[in-house]
Amino acid sequence: MTGSDVTLRCRDKDNNRLDAFFYKDDVLLGSGPDGEFILSKVQQSDEGLYWCLPDLHGLSPQSRLRVRAPPPPPPPPPPPPPPPPASSVSVLRLFCHLVVFCPYCICSVLLVSICCSRKTGNKPAISMETTPPVGGGGEDEEYDDITADVTTEHEL
């Protein structure tokens, strides 16, 4: 991967390290201690055929190095949605308060006025008096000695 370090190793069939010279595309790169050669921060230009030439042994098989570009970074997360404008929130909140508060105030004022008017007692009571009809005959003659005098009082 682009930007990574790559270590080339030269070993025999028994996996023993061999002092060797390292080549890329028939060009000598150099030698490395203990049969290793490090390519630092590889780029696309480092692609090619690599092999080693160990002391007292023949040529090693060639290996192709391919360098890939790093995967693109993940896209940033989408920004959170903006909060609703303060003015619309304020208007909605004001409306809700008015819907609750206005009926409460109206009812309270009405109740207080009703209670105050009952407590004053300054108004005279209304009285109504009924008297029996004068004259006549018929069925009412049996009860001539009974007088109907009814008084009803109402306070408003």
Protein backbone atom coordinates (compact mmCIF):
# COMPACT_ATOMS: atom_id res chain seq x y z
CA MET A 1 0.00 0.00 0.00
CA THR A 2 1.29 3.47 -0.81
CA GLY A 3 3.28 4.96 2.06
CA SER A 4 3.96 1.60 3.76
CA ASP A 5 7.36 0.07 4.46
CA VAL A 6 8.17 -3.20 2.63
CA THR A 7 10.82 -5.66 3.84
CA LEU A 8 12.52 -7.88 1.23
CA ARG A 9 14.02 -11.10 2.65
CA CYS A 10 16.49 -13.50 1.10
CA ARG A 11 16.37 -17.03 2.57
CA ASP A 12 17.29 -20.53 1.50
CA LYS A 13 14.97 -23.53 1.29
CA ASP A 14 15.47 -24.25 4.98
CA ASN A 15 14.35 -20.67 5.82
CA ASN A 16 17.89 -19.62 6.86
CA ARG A 17 18.77 -15.97 6.34
CA LEU A 18 21.37 -15.32 3.66
CA ASP A 19 23.58 -12.26 3.17
CA ALA A 20 22.70 -11.04 -0.30
CA PHE A 21 22.52 -8.19 -2.81
CA PHE A 22 19.06 -7.00 -3.77
CA TYR A 23 18.00 -5.99 -7.28
CA LYS A 24 15.02 -4.29 -8.87
CA ASP A 25 14.50 -4.62 -12.63
CA ASP A 26 18.22 -5.56 -13.14
CA VAL A 27 19.43 -2.57 -11.08
CA LEU A 28 21.42 -3.17 -7.88
CA LEU A 29 19.69 -1.64 -4.86
CA GLY A 30 22.23 -2.65 -2.26
CA SER A 31 22.73 -5.26 0.43
CA GLY A 32 21.02 -5.63 3.75
CA PRO A 33 22.09 -7.11 7.07
CA ASP A 34 20.83 -10.61 7.84
CA GLY A 35 19.39 -11.01 4.34
CA GLU A 36 16.83 -8.18 4.62
CA PHE A 37 16.36 -4.98 2.65
CA ILE A 38 13.75 -2.37 3.62
CA LEU A 39 11.95 -0.18 1.11
CA SER A 40 10.63 2.83 3.05
CA LYS A 41 7.34 4.49 2.21
CA VAL A 42 6.80 2.77 -1.12
CA GLN A 43 5.18 4.60 -4.04
CA GLN A 44 3.89 3.57 -7.47
CA SER A 45 7.43 4.10 -8.82
CA ASP A 46 8.68 1.23 -6.57
CA GLU A 47 6.66 -1.36 -8.51
CA GLY A 48 8.72 -3.91 -10.42
CA LEU A 49 10.54 -7.27 -10.31
CA TYR A 50 12.74 -7.86 -7.24
CA TRP A 51 15.23 -10.64 -6.50
CA CYS A 52 18.29 -11.31 -4.40
CA LEU A 53 21.75 -12.68 -5.20
CA PRO A 54 23.05 -14.49 -2.11
CA ASP A 55 26.75 -15.19 -1.62
CA LEU A 56 27.72 -18.66 -2.81
CA HIS A 57 24.16 -19.45 -3.99
CA GLY A 58 22.46 -18.89 -7.32
CA LEU A 59 19.89 -16.29 -8.24
CA SER A 60 16.64 -16.28 -6.32
CA PRO A 61 13.31 -16.40 -8.12
CA GLN A 62 11.92 -12.97 -9.03
CA SER A 63 8.98 -11.49 -7.18
CA ARG A 64 6.73 -8.72 -8.47
CA LEU A 65 5.93 -5.86 -6.13
CA ARG A 66 2.69 -4.01 -6.76
CA VAL A 67 1.81 -0.88 -4.86
CA ARG A 68 -1.85 -0.07 -4.27
CA ALA A 69 -3.28 3.29 -3.40
CA PRO A 70 -4.70 3.47 0.09
CA PRO A 71 -8.47 3.21 0.30
CA PRO A 72 -10.18 6.58 0.31
CA PRO A 73 -11.12 7.83 3.74
CA PRO A 74 -14.75 7.29 4.68
CA PRO A 75 -16.96 10.26 3.98
CA PRO A 76 -17.57 12.48 6.96
CA PRO A 77 -20.88 11.93 8.71
CA PRO A 78 -23.62 14.29 7.64
CA PRO A 79 -24.03 17.31 9.87
CA PRO A 80 -26.90 17.17 12.34
CA PRO A 81 -30.04 18.93 11.19
CA PRO A 82 -30.15 22.54 12.30
CA PRO A 83 -32.45 23.34 15.20
CA PRO A 84 -35.72 25.00 14.26
CA PRO A 85 -35.54 28.79 14.18
CA ALA A 86 -36.00 30.36 17.57
CA SER A 87 -38.82 32.59 16.39
CA SER A 88 -41.07 29.69 15.35
CA VAL A 89 -40.43 27.92 18.65
CA SER A 90 -41.22 31.10 20.57
CA VAL A 91 -44.46 31.71 18.69
CA LEU A 92 -45.60 28.13 19.24
CA ARG A 93 -44.74 28.29 22.93
CA LEU A 94 -46.56 31.63 23.31
CA PHE A 95 -49.65 30.23 21.60
CA CYS A 96 -49.73 27.19 23.91
CA HIS A 97 -49.43 29.42 26.98
CA LEU A 98 -52.25 31.66 25.79
CA VAL A 99 -54.54 28.70 25.08
CA VAL A 100 -54.10 27.55 28.67
CA PHE A 101 -53.81 30.88 30.48
CA CYS A 102 -56.69 32.89 28.93
CA PRO A 103 -59.55 30.50 29.84
CA TYR A 104 -58.06 30.17 33.33
CA CYS A 105 -58.07 33.95 33.82
CA ILE A 106 -61.59 34.37 32.45
CA CYS A 107 -62.98 31.64 34.74
CA SER A 108 -61.15 33.06 37.74
CA VAL A 109 -62.51 36.57 37.18
CA LEU A 110 -66.06 35.27 36.76
CA LEU A 111 -65.88 33.18 39.94
CA VAL A 112 -64.47 36.07 41.97
CA SER A 113 -67.17 38.45 40.72
CA ILE A 114 -69.94 35.93 41.54
CA CYS A 115 -68.56 35.32 45.02
CA CYS A 116 -68.18 39.04 45.73
CA SER A 117 -71.73 39.85 44.61
CA ARG A 118 -73.20 37.16 46.91
CA LYS A 119 -71.25 38.34 49.93
CA THR A 120 -72.28 41.98 49.72
CA GLY A 121 -75.92 41.42 50.68
CA ASN A 122 -76.81 45.08 49.85
CA LYS A 123 -79.60 44.11 47.50
CA PRO A 124 -83.06 43.66 49.00
CA ALA A 125 -84.68 40.28 48.71
CA ILE A 126 -87.41 39.99 46.14
CA SER A 127 -90.69 38.95 47.67
CA MET A 128 -93.80 37.73 45.99
CA GLU A 129 -97.17 37.50 47.71
CA THR A 130 -100.25 35.76 46.37
CA THR A 131 -103.79 36.36 47.52
CA PRO A 132 -106.87 34.29 46.80
CA PRO A 133 -109.17 35.50 44.04
CA VAL A 134 -112.04 37.73 45.17
CA GLY A 135 -115.65 36.63 44.63
CA GLY A 136 -116.66 33.61 42.66
CA GLY A 137 -118.34 30.47 43.72
CA GLY A 138 -118.19 26.91 42.79
CA GLU A 139 -115.81 24.51 44.37
CA ASP A 140 -113.87 27.10 46.31
CA GLU A 141 -116.85 27.85 48.56
CA GLU A 142 -116.03 24.91 50.81
CA TYR A 143 -112.78 26.55 51.79
CA ASP A 144 -114.02 30.07 52.47
CA ASP A 145 -112.54 30.06 55.94
CA ILE A 146 -108.95 29.28 54.64
CA THR A 147 -106.81 32.15 53.50
CA ALA A 148 -103.93 31.50 51.15
CA ASP A 149 -101.14 33.85 52.03
CA VAL A 150 -97.79 32.65 50.62
CA THR A 151 -94.62 34.70 50.58
CA THR A 152 -91.58 33.56 48.63
CA GLU A 153 -88.24 35.30 48.95
CA HIS A 154 -85.38 34.97 46.49
CA GLU A 155 -81.90 36.36 46.82
CA LEU A 156 -80.10 37.29 43.63
